[in-house]
Amino acid sequence: MNVLKAFLLTLCTVSSKSDLQKQTSIYDININSLQGQPIDFKAFKGKHILFVNVASKCGFTPQYEDLQNLHDTHGDKIIIIGVPCNQFGNQEPGNKDQIMSFCQANYGVSFLMTEKIEVKGTNKHPLYAWLTQKEKNGIKNSKVKWNFQKYLVGPDGQLIDYFLSVTSPKSNKILKYLK
């Protein structure tokens, strides 16, 4: 009987270790800026990070203005990172130069923008695998439903929550974490 208990205990320990190994840190993920430079998420430790999959031709595109305002007014507490994606209604067809030109000319965007990636499906970028999979982020599963869905990561690198596209960047659902 003791041998069986030891075997079961070993099985549980191995299972727990493998679960821990699946979980990764946001700080270990690699992605490039829109200009092609590596982004080091470790540089943002101690601040919130708001990831937003963005598109230039979407009904939610005016949220760029509120994202820029959030960046301007709370930049000491939060990093805004726009993540261009063309998976929803082909609403981000531009190349990196077109995307940046559009964002700067129309909304004065100066916050960080990543390279254009996929946020769902078989070619989902590791950043969005982490944001949407509990086995990686340790908090919850989600699906990106449309452009301008937001993911908030805490100063400790832990996922806090996600917010659907209809949630304004200046919503108290987000701002309450910055107080």
N, C-alpha and C. Protein backbone atom coordinates (compact mmCIF):
# COMPACT_ATOMS: atom_id res chain seq x y z
N MET A 1 0.83 -1.21 0.00
CA MET A 1 0.00 0.00 0.00
C MET A 1 0.86 1.25 0.00
N ASN A 2 1.95 1.27 0.75
CA ASN A 2 2.83 2.43 0.79
C ASN A 2 3.45 2.71 -0.57
N VAL A 3 3.73 1.66 -1.33
CA VAL A 3 4.30 1.82 -2.67
C VAL A 3 3.28 2.52 -3.58
N LEU A 4 2.03 2.14 -3.48
CA LEU A 4 0.98 2.76 -4.28
C LEU A 4 0.83 4.23 -3.93
N LYS A 5 0.84 4.56 -2.64
CA LYS A 5 0.75 5.96 -2.21
C LYS A 5 1.93 6.77 -2.75
N ALA A 6 3.11 6.20 -2.68
CA ALA A 6 4.31 6.89 -3.17
C ALA A 6 4.20 7.12 -4.68
N PHE A 7 3.71 6.11 -5.40
CA PHE A 7 3.55 6.24 -6.84
C PHE A 7 2.54 7.34 -7.18
N LEU A 8 1.40 7.35 -6.49
CA LEU A 8 0.38 8.37 -6.73
C LEU A 8 0.89 9.76 -6.37
N LEU A 9 1.63 9.88 -5.29
CA LEU A 9 2.21 11.16 -4.89
C LEU A 9 3.19 11.65 -5.96
N THR A 10 4.00 10.74 -6.49
CA THR A 10 4.95 11.09 -7.56
C THR A 10 4.20 11.56 -8.79
N LEU A 11 3.13 10.86 -9.15
CA LEU A 11 2.32 11.26 -10.31
C LEU A 11 1.76 12.67 -10.14
N CYS A 12 1.23 12.96 -8.96
CA CYS A 12 0.67 14.29 -8.68
C CYS A 12 1.75 15.36 -8.75
N THR A 13 2.93 15.06 -8.23
CA THR A 13 4.03 16.02 -8.23
C THR A 13 4.48 16.30 -9.66
N VAL A 14 4.61 15.25 -10.48
CA VAL A 14 5.02 15.43 -11.87
C VAL A 14 3.98 16.25 -12.61
N SER A 15 2.70 15.96 -12.38
CA SER A 15 1.63 16.71 -13.03
C SER A 15 1.69 18.19 -12.65
N SER A 16 1.90 18.47 -11.37
CA SER A 16 1.98 19.86 -10.92
C SER A 16 3.17 20.57 -11.53
N LYS A 17 4.31 19.89 -11.60
CA LYS A 17 5.50 20.49 -12.20
C LYS A 17 5.27 20.79 -13.67
N SER A 18 4.63 19.87 -14.41
CA SER A 18 4.41 20.10 -15.83
C SER A 18 3.42 21.24 -16.03
N ASP A 19 2.43 21.38 -15.14
CA ASP A 19 1.51 22.51 -15.23
C ASP A 19 2.26 23.82 -15.03
N LEU A 20 3.18 23.84 -14.08
CA LEU A 20 3.97 25.05 -13.84
C LEU A 20 4.87 25.36 -15.02
N GLN A 21 5.39 24.33 -15.67
CA GLN A 21 6.28 24.56 -16.80
C GLN A 21 5.52 25.13 -17.99
N LYS A 22 4.23 24.83 -18.13
CA LYS A 22 3.44 25.38 -19.22
C LYS A 22 3.24 26.87 -19.05
N GLN A 23 3.07 27.30 -17.81
CA GLN A 23 2.86 28.70 -17.52
C GLN A 23 4.14 29.47 -17.84
N THR A 24 4.01 30.57 -18.55
CA THR A 24 5.17 31.37 -18.91
C THR A 24 4.98 32.78 -18.40
N SER A 25 5.99 33.58 -18.56
CA SER A 25 5.93 34.97 -18.14
C SER A 25 5.76 35.87 -19.35
N ILE A 26 4.99 36.93 -19.20
CA ILE A 26 4.85 37.93 -20.26
C ILE A 26 6.22 38.48 -20.62
N TYR A 27 7.12 38.50 -19.65
CA TYR A 27 8.45 39.08 -19.85
C TYR A 27 9.36 38.20 -20.72
N ASP A 28 8.94 36.97 -21.00
CA ASP A 28 9.74 36.07 -21.83
C ASP A 28 9.30 36.05 -23.30
N ILE A 29 8.29 36.82 -23.62
CA ILE A 29 7.73 36.80 -24.98
C ILE A 29 8.47 37.80 -25.86
N ASN A 30 8.75 37.40 -27.09
CA ASN A 30 9.43 38.26 -28.05
C ASN A 30 8.46 38.75 -29.11
N ILE A 31 8.53 40.04 -29.38
CA ILE A 31 7.77 40.65 -30.46
C ILE A 31 8.52 41.90 -30.88
N ASN A 32 8.35 42.29 -32.12
CA ASN A 32 9.02 43.49 -32.63
C ASN A 32 8.06 44.66 -32.69
N SER A 33 8.64 45.85 -32.65
CA SER A 33 7.85 47.06 -32.84
C SER A 33 7.46 47.16 -34.30
N LEU A 34 6.60 48.09 -34.61
CA LEU A 34 6.17 48.32 -35.99
C LEU A 34 7.37 48.68 -36.87
N GLN A 35 8.39 49.28 -36.26
CA GLN A 35 9.60 49.65 -36.98
C GLN A 35 10.60 48.50 -37.09
N GLY A 36 10.27 47.34 -36.50
CA GLY A 36 11.12 46.17 -36.62
C GLY A 36 12.12 45.98 -35.50
N GLN A 37 12.06 46.81 -34.46
CA GLN A 37 12.98 46.68 -33.32
C GLN A 37 12.38 45.77 -32.25
N PRO A 38 13.19 44.93 -31.61
CA PRO A 38 12.67 44.07 -30.54
C PRO A 38 12.11 44.92 -29.39
N ILE A 39 10.99 44.47 -28.84
CA ILE A 39 10.40 45.10 -27.66
C ILE A 39 10.74 44.24 -26.46
N ASP A 40 11.30 44.84 -25.43
CA ASP A 40 11.66 44.13 -24.21
C ASP A 40 10.62 44.44 -23.15
N PHE A 41 9.68 43.52 -22.94
CA PHE A 41 8.63 43.73 -21.95
C PHE A 41 9.19 43.88 -20.54
N LYS A 42 10.37 43.33 -20.28
CA LYS A 42 10.98 43.46 -18.95
C LYS A 42 11.18 44.93 -18.58
N ALA A 43 11.37 45.78 -19.59
CA ALA A 43 11.56 47.22 -19.33
C ALA A 43 10.31 47.85 -18.73
N PHE A 44 9.17 47.16 -18.80
CA PHE A 44 7.90 47.71 -18.31
C PHE A 44 7.51 47.17 -16.94
N LYS A 45 8.39 46.39 -16.31
CA LYS A 45 8.09 45.89 -14.97
C LYS A 45 7.80 47.07 -14.06
N GLY A 46 6.77 46.92 -13.23
CA GLY A 46 6.37 47.99 -12.32
C GLY A 46 5.27 48.88 -12.89
N LYS A 47 4.91 48.68 -14.15
CA LYS A 47 3.82 49.44 -14.77
C LYS A 47 2.78 48.46 -15.31
N HIS A 48 1.56 48.95 -15.42
CA HIS A 48 0.54 48.18 -16.12
C HIS A 48 0.85 48.22 -17.62
N ILE A 49 0.41 47.21 -18.34
CA ILE A 49 0.52 47.19 -19.80
C ILE A 49 -0.87 46.91 -20.34
N LEU A 50 -1.31 47.75 -21.26
CA LEU A 50 -2.60 47.53 -21.93
C LEU A 50 -2.32 47.17 -23.38
N PHE A 51 -2.60 45.91 -23.73
CA PHE A 51 -2.44 45.44 -25.11
C PHE A 51 -3.78 45.59 -25.81
N VAL A 52 -3.76 46.16 -27.02
CA VAL A 52 -4.99 46.38 -27.78
C VAL A 52 -4.74 45.98 -29.22
N ASN A 53 -5.51 45.00 -29.73
CA ASN A 53 -5.38 44.67 -31.15
C ASN A 53 -6.13 45.75 -31.93
N VAL A 54 -5.40 46.43 -32.80
CA VAL A 54 -5.92 47.62 -33.47
C VAL A 54 -6.07 47.42 -34.97
N ALA A 55 -6.91 48.29 -35.57
CA ALA A 55 -7.13 48.28 -37.01
C ALA A 55 -7.54 49.68 -37.46
N SER A 56 -7.10 50.06 -38.63
CA SER A 56 -7.32 51.42 -39.14
C SER A 56 -8.69 51.66 -39.75
N LYS A 57 -9.39 50.60 -40.14
CA LYS A 57 -10.65 50.77 -40.86
C LYS A 57 -11.81 50.11 -40.11
N CYS A 58 -11.85 50.31 -38.82
CA CYS A 58 -12.84 49.67 -37.96
C CYS A 58 -13.74 50.74 -37.34
N GLY A 59 -14.94 50.36 -36.99
CA GLY A 59 -15.83 51.28 -36.30
C GLY A 59 -15.28 51.73 -34.95
N PHE A 60 -14.37 50.93 -34.36
CA PHE A 60 -13.76 51.28 -33.08
C PHE A 60 -12.45 52.06 -33.23
N THR A 61 -12.03 52.32 -34.47
CA THR A 61 -10.77 53.02 -34.71
C THR A 61 -10.66 54.35 -33.97
N PRO A 62 -11.75 55.11 -33.78
CA PRO A 62 -11.63 56.35 -33.00
C PRO A 62 -11.11 56.13 -31.57
N GLN A 63 -11.09 54.89 -31.09
CA GLN A 63 -10.52 54.63 -29.76
C GLN A 63 -9.03 54.95 -29.71
N TYR A 64 -8.39 55.08 -30.87
CA TYR A 64 -6.99 55.51 -30.88
C TYR A 64 -6.83 56.82 -30.09
N GLU A 65 -7.80 57.71 -30.25
CA GLU A 65 -7.74 59.00 -29.54
C GLU A 65 -7.73 58.80 -28.03
N ASP A 66 -8.61 57.93 -27.52
CA ASP A 66 -8.67 57.67 -26.09
C ASP A 66 -7.44 56.91 -25.61
N LEU A 67 -6.91 56.02 -26.45
CA LEU A 67 -5.69 55.32 -26.08
C LEU A 67 -4.52 56.30 -25.96
N GLN A 68 -4.45 57.24 -26.91
CA GLN A 68 -3.39 58.25 -26.85
C GLN A 68 -3.55 59.13 -25.61
N ASN A 69 -4.80 59.48 -25.28
CA ASN A 69 -5.07 60.28 -24.09
C ASN A 69 -4.65 59.53 -22.83
N LEU A 70 -4.96 58.24 -22.78
CA LEU A 70 -4.57 57.41 -21.64
C LEU A 70 -3.04 57.38 -21.53
N HIS A 71 -2.38 57.26 -22.66
CA HIS A 71 -0.92 57.27 -22.69
C HIS A 71 -0.38 58.61 -22.19
N ASP A 72 -0.98 59.69 -22.62
CA ASP A 72 -0.51 61.03 -22.23
C ASP A 72 -0.76 61.34 -20.76
N THR A 73 -1.91 60.92 -20.24
CA THR A 73 -2.27 61.30 -18.87
C THR A 73 -1.82 60.31 -17.80
N HIS A 74 -1.62 59.05 -18.16
CA HIS A 74 -1.26 58.03 -17.17
C HIS A 74 0.00 57.26 -17.57
N GLY A 75 0.80 57.82 -18.45
CA GLY A 75 2.00 57.14 -18.94
C GLY A 75 2.99 56.76 -17.87
N ASP A 76 2.88 57.38 -16.70
CA ASP A 76 3.77 57.02 -15.59
C ASP A 76 3.33 55.72 -14.92
N LYS A 77 2.09 55.27 -15.22
CA LYS A 77 1.54 54.06 -14.58
C LYS A 77 1.22 52.95 -15.56
N ILE A 78 1.08 53.31 -16.86
CA ILE A 78 0.62 52.31 -17.84
C ILE A 78 1.32 52.50 -19.18
N ILE A 79 1.64 51.39 -19.80
CA ILE A 79 2.20 51.37 -21.14
C ILE A 79 1.09 50.89 -22.07
N ILE A 80 0.80 51.66 -23.10
CA ILE A 80 -0.19 51.27 -24.10
C ILE A 80 0.58 50.64 -25.26
N ILE A 81 0.14 49.47 -25.68
CA ILE A 81 0.77 48.80 -26.81
C ILE A 81 -0.30 48.41 -27.81
N GLY A 82 -0.28 49.08 -28.96
CA GLY A 82 -1.18 48.76 -30.06
C GLY A 82 -0.61 47.60 -30.86
N VAL A 83 -1.48 46.64 -31.19
CA VAL A 83 -1.05 45.44 -31.89
C VAL A 83 -1.88 45.32 -33.18
N PRO A 84 -1.36 45.82 -34.31
CA PRO A 84 -2.11 45.74 -35.56
C PRO A 84 -2.41 44.30 -35.96
N CYS A 85 -3.65 44.11 -36.41
CA CYS A 85 -4.10 42.78 -36.81
C CYS A 85 -5.12 42.93 -37.93
N ASN A 86 -5.04 42.08 -38.93
CA ASN A 86 -5.95 42.15 -40.08
C ASN A 86 -6.91 40.96 -40.12
N GLN A 87 -7.17 40.33 -38.99
CA GLN A 87 -7.99 39.12 -38.98
C GLN A 87 -9.49 39.37 -38.84
N PHE A 88 -9.90 40.59 -38.61
CA PHE A 88 -11.31 40.87 -38.39
C PHE A 88 -11.80 41.82 -39.48
N GLY A 89 -12.47 41.27 -40.47
CA GLY A 89 -13.03 42.07 -41.56
C GLY A 89 -11.98 42.73 -42.44
N ASN A 90 -10.75 42.22 -42.43
CA ASN A 90 -9.66 42.81 -43.23
C ASN A 90 -9.57 44.31 -43.02
N GLN A 91 -9.69 44.73 -41.76
CA GLN A 91 -9.75 46.15 -41.43
C GLN A 91 -8.38 46.77 -41.12
N GLU A 92 -7.33 45.98 -41.27
CA GLU A 92 -5.97 46.53 -41.15
C GLU A 92 -5.11 45.98 -42.29
N PRO A 93 -5.43 46.42 -43.53
CA PRO A 93 -4.72 45.88 -44.69
C PRO A 93 -3.35 46.51 -44.93
N GLY A 94 -3.05 47.62 -44.28
CA GLY A 94 -1.83 48.37 -44.58
C GLY A 94 -0.54 47.69 -44.15
N ASN A 95 0.55 48.17 -44.74
CA ASN A 95 1.88 47.73 -44.32
C ASN A 95 2.31 48.61 -43.15
N LYS A 96 3.49 48.37 -42.61
CA LYS A 96 3.94 49.08 -41.40
C LYS A 96 3.98 50.59 -41.61
N ASP A 97 4.43 51.04 -42.76
CA ASP A 97 4.51 52.49 -43.01
C ASP A 97 3.12 53.11 -43.11
N GLN A 98 2.20 52.43 -43.78
CA GLN A 98 0.83 52.94 -43.90
C GLN A 98 0.14 52.98 -42.54
N ILE A 99 0.35 51.96 -41.74
CA ILE A 99 -0.27 51.91 -40.41
C ILE A 99 0.23 53.06 -39.55
N MET A 100 1.54 53.24 -39.49
CA MET A 100 2.11 54.30 -38.66
C MET A 100 1.69 55.67 -39.16
N SER A 101 1.71 55.87 -40.45
CA SER A 101 1.32 57.16 -41.02
C SER A 101 -0.14 57.47 -40.68
N PHE A 102 -1.01 56.50 -40.83
CA PHE A 102 -2.42 56.68 -40.51
C PHE A 102 -2.61 57.04 -39.04
N CYS A 103 -1.96 56.29 -38.16
CA CYS A 103 -2.12 56.51 -36.72
C CYS A 103 -1.60 57.87 -36.29
N GLN A 104 -0.47 58.27 -36.82
CA GLN A 104 0.10 59.57 -36.44
C GLN A 104 -0.69 60.72 -37.03
N ALA A 105 -1.06 60.62 -38.30
CA ALA A 105 -1.76 61.73 -38.97
C ALA A 105 -3.16 61.93 -38.42
N ASN A 106 -3.87 60.85 -38.13
CA ASN A 106 -5.27 60.96 -37.72
C ASN A 106 -5.49 61.04 -36.21
N TYR A 107 -4.56 60.46 -35.43
CA TYR A 107 -4.80 60.38 -33.99
C TYR A 107 -3.59 60.81 -33.16
N GLY A 108 -2.52 61.21 -33.80
CA GLY A 108 -1.34 61.64 -33.07
C GLY A 108 -0.72 60.56 -32.21
N VAL A 109 -0.85 59.33 -32.65
CA VAL A 109 -0.38 58.19 -31.85
C VAL A 109 1.13 58.26 -31.64
N SER A 110 1.52 58.23 -30.38
CA SER A 110 2.95 58.16 -30.04
C SER A 110 3.23 56.98 -29.13
N PHE A 111 2.19 56.23 -28.76
CA PHE A 111 2.43 55.05 -27.93
C PHE A 111 2.99 53.93 -28.79
N LEU A 112 3.50 52.92 -28.14
CA LEU A 112 4.17 51.81 -28.79
C LEU A 112 3.21 50.99 -29.65
N MET A 113 3.68 50.64 -30.84
CA MET A 113 2.93 49.77 -31.75
C MET A 113 3.83 48.60 -32.12
N THR A 114 3.25 47.41 -32.16
CA THR A 114 4.01 46.22 -32.55
C THR A 114 3.88 45.98 -34.05
N GLU A 115 4.63 45.02 -34.49
CA GLU A 115 4.47 44.52 -35.85
C GLU A 115 3.05 43.96 -36.00
N LYS A 116 2.58 43.86 -37.23
CA LYS A 116 1.25 43.29 -37.49
C LYS A 116 1.34 41.78 -37.28
N ILE A 117 0.40 41.25 -36.48
CA ILE A 117 0.41 39.83 -36.14
C ILE A 117 -0.99 39.25 -36.24
N GLU A 118 -1.08 37.94 -36.01
CA GLU A 118 -2.36 37.27 -35.88
C GLU A 118 -2.63 37.04 -34.40
N VAL A 119 -3.87 37.29 -33.99
CA VAL A 119 -4.24 37.19 -32.57
C VAL A 119 -5.15 35.99 -32.28
N LYS A 120 -5.45 35.22 -33.32
CA LYS A 120 -6.27 34.02 -33.15
C LYS A 120 -5.88 33.02 -34.22
N GLY A 121 -6.33 31.79 -34.04
CA GLY A 121 -6.09 30.75 -35.05
C GLY A 121 -4.75 30.05 -34.89
N THR A 122 -4.43 29.24 -35.89
CA THR A 122 -3.23 28.41 -35.82
C THR A 122 -1.93 29.21 -35.88
N ASN A 123 -1.96 30.41 -36.43
CA ASN A 123 -0.76 31.25 -36.50
C ASN A 123 -0.76 32.35 -35.45
N LYS A 124 -1.52 32.14 -34.38
CA LYS A 124 -1.60 33.13 -33.30
C LYS A 124 -0.20 33.39 -32.75
N HIS A 125 0.12 34.66 -32.60
CA HIS A 125 1.43 35.04 -32.06
C HIS A 125 1.53 34.59 -30.60
N PRO A 126 2.74 34.23 -30.14
CA PRO A 126 2.92 33.82 -28.74
C PRO A 126 2.40 34.84 -27.72
N LEU A 127 2.44 36.13 -28.05
CA LEU A 127 1.89 37.14 -27.13
C LEU A 127 0.41 36.87 -26.88
N TYR A 128 -0.34 36.63 -27.95
CA TYR A 128 -1.77 36.39 -27.79
C TYR A 128 -2.07 34.99 -27.30
N ALA A 129 -1.17 34.06 -27.51
CA ALA A 129 -1.33 32.74 -26.88
C ALA A 129 -1.27 32.94 -25.37
N TRP A 130 -0.31 33.75 -24.91
CA TRP A 130 -0.18 34.01 -23.47
C TRP A 130 -1.41 34.77 -22.94
N LEU A 131 -1.83 35.79 -23.66
CA LEU A 131 -2.96 36.61 -23.19
C LEU A 131 -4.27 35.81 -23.13
N THR A 132 -4.44 34.83 -24.00
CA THR A 132 -5.74 34.15 -24.13
C THR A 132 -5.79 32.74 -23.55
N GLN A 133 -4.68 32.20 -23.08
CA GLN A 133 -4.68 30.81 -22.61
C GLN A 133 -4.28 30.73 -21.13
N LYS A 134 -5.21 30.23 -20.33
CA LYS A 134 -4.97 30.10 -18.89
C LYS A 134 -3.73 29.25 -18.59
N GLU A 135 -3.50 28.21 -19.39
CA GLU A 135 -2.33 27.37 -19.14
C GLU A 135 -1.02 28.14 -19.28
N LYS A 136 -1.06 29.27 -19.97
CA LYS A 136 0.15 30.10 -20.13
C LYS A 136 0.16 31.29 -19.17
N ASN A 137 -1.01 31.96 -19.01
CA ASN A 137 -1.04 33.17 -18.16
C ASN A 137 -1.42 32.88 -16.71
N GLY A 138 -1.94 31.68 -16.44
CA GLY A 138 -2.27 31.30 -15.07
C GLY A 138 -3.54 31.90 -14.51
N ILE A 139 -4.26 32.71 -15.31
CA ILE A 139 -5.44 33.41 -14.78
C ILE A 139 -6.73 32.98 -15.46
N LYS A 140 -6.81 33.14 -16.80
CA LYS A 140 -8.08 32.81 -17.48
C LYS A 140 -7.89 32.62 -18.97
N ASN A 141 -8.85 31.92 -19.54
CA ASN A 141 -8.95 31.75 -20.99
C ASN A 141 -9.85 32.84 -21.57
N SER A 142 -9.59 33.20 -22.81
CA SER A 142 -10.46 34.13 -23.53
C SER A 142 -10.26 33.93 -25.02
N LYS A 143 -11.12 34.57 -25.78
CA LYS A 143 -10.99 34.59 -27.24
C LYS A 143 -11.07 36.03 -27.69
N VAL A 144 -10.24 36.40 -28.64
CA VAL A 144 -10.30 37.74 -29.20
C VAL A 144 -11.47 37.74 -30.18
N LYS A 145 -12.46 38.58 -29.87
CA LYS A 145 -13.69 38.58 -30.65
C LYS A 145 -13.70 39.61 -31.78
N TRP A 146 -12.95 40.72 -31.62
CA TRP A 146 -12.96 41.77 -32.65
C TRP A 146 -11.79 42.72 -32.39
N ASN A 147 -11.63 43.66 -33.29
CA ASN A 147 -10.61 44.70 -33.15
C ASN A 147 -10.86 45.51 -31.88
N PHE A 148 -9.80 46.01 -31.29
CA PHE A 148 -9.82 46.87 -30.11
C PHE A 148 -10.26 46.16 -28.84
N GLN A 149 -10.08 44.83 -28.79
CA GLN A 149 -10.23 44.13 -27.52
C GLN A 149 -8.97 44.43 -26.72
N LYS A 150 -9.12 44.61 -25.42
CA LYS A 150 -8.02 45.07 -24.58
C LYS A 150 -7.67 44.03 -23.52
N TYR A 151 -6.36 43.89 -23.27
CA TYR A 151 -5.85 43.00 -22.23
C TYR A 151 -4.99 43.82 -21.30
N LEU A 152 -5.29 43.78 -20.01
CA LEU A 152 -4.55 44.54 -19.02
C LEU A 152 -3.67 43.59 -18.20
N VAL A 153 -2.38 43.91 -18.18
CA VAL A 153 -1.40 43.15 -17.41
C VAL A 153 -0.94 44.06 -16.27
N GLY A 154 -0.80 43.49 -15.08
CA GLY A 154 -0.42 44.28 -13.91
C GLY A 154 1.08 44.57 -13.84
N PRO A 155 1.46 45.43 -12.92
CA PRO A 155 2.87 45.80 -12.75
C PRO A 155 3.78 44.61 -12.43
N ASP A 156 3.17 43.52 -11.96
CA ASP A 156 3.92 42.31 -11.63
C ASP A 156 4.00 41.33 -12.79
N GLY A 157 3.44 41.70 -13.95
CA GLY A 157 3.48 40.84 -15.11
C GLY A 157 2.36 39.82 -15.17
N GLN A 158 1.39 39.90 -14.26
CA GLN A 158 0.27 38.98 -14.25
C GLN A 158 -0.91 39.56 -15.03
N LEU A 159 -1.59 38.71 -15.77
CA LEU A 159 -2.81 39.14 -16.46
C LEU A 159 -3.83 39.55 -15.41
N ILE A 160 -4.43 40.72 -15.60
CA ILE A 160 -5.50 41.18 -14.71
C ILE A 160 -6.84 40.80 -15.29
N ASP A 161 -7.10 41.24 -16.52
CA ASP A 161 -8.40 40.96 -17.16
C ASP A 161 -8.35 41.40 -18.60
N TYR A 162 -9.43 41.09 -19.32
CA TYR A 162 -9.57 41.58 -20.69
C TYR A 162 -10.90 42.31 -20.80
N PHE A 163 -10.99 43.18 -21.79
CA PHE A 163 -12.16 44.02 -21.98
C PHE A 163 -12.53 43.99 -23.46
N LEU A 164 -13.80 43.78 -23.73
CA LEU A 164 -14.27 43.72 -25.11
C LEU A 164 -14.13 45.08 -25.80
N SER A 165 -14.25 45.07 -27.09
CA SER A 165 -14.06 46.26 -27.92
C SER A 165 -14.91 47.44 -27.49
N VAL A 166 -16.11 47.19 -27.01
CA VAL A 166 -17.02 48.27 -26.63
C VAL A 166 -16.56 49.01 -25.38
N THR A 167 -15.61 48.44 -24.64
CA THR A 167 -15.09 49.10 -23.44
C THR A 167 -14.12 50.20 -23.86
N SER A 168 -14.44 51.42 -23.50
CA SER A 168 -13.58 52.55 -23.82
C SER A 168 -12.27 52.47 -23.04
N PRO A 169 -11.16 52.90 -23.63
CA PRO A 169 -9.90 52.95 -22.89
C PRO A 169 -9.97 53.85 -21.65
N LYS A 170 -10.93 54.77 -21.62
CA LYS A 170 -11.06 55.64 -20.45
C LYS A 170 -12.16 55.18 -19.49
N SER A 171 -12.60 53.93 -19.66
CA SER A 171 -13.60 53.34 -18.77
C SER A 171 -13.03 53.14 -17.37
N ASN A 172 -13.88 53.27 -16.38
CA ASN A 172 -13.47 53.00 -15.00
C ASN A 172 -13.08 51.53 -14.80
N LYS A 173 -13.54 50.66 -15.69
CA LYS A 173 -13.14 49.25 -15.61
C LYS A 173 -11.62 49.13 -15.76
N ILE A 174 -11.02 50.05 -16.50
CA ILE A 174 -9.58 50.07 -16.70
C ILE A 174 -8.91 51.04 -15.75
N LEU A 175 -9.46 52.25 -15.66
CA LEU A 175 -8.85 53.31 -14.85
C LEU A 175 -8.72 52.97 -13.37
N LYS A 176 -9.65 52.15 -12.86
CA LYS A 176 -9.59 51.82 -11.43
C LYS A 176 -8.27 51.14 -11.03
N TYR A 177 -7.61 50.51 -11.98
CA TYR A 177 -6.34 49.85 -11.68
C TYR A 177 -5.17 50.83 -11.63
N LEU A 178 -5.39 52.05 -12.10
CA LEU A 178 -4.30 53.03 -12.17
C LEU A 178 -4.29 53.99 -10.99
N LYS A 179 -5.25 53.83 -10.08
CA LYS A 179 -5.35 54.74 -8.93
C LYS A 179 -4.46 54.33 -7.80
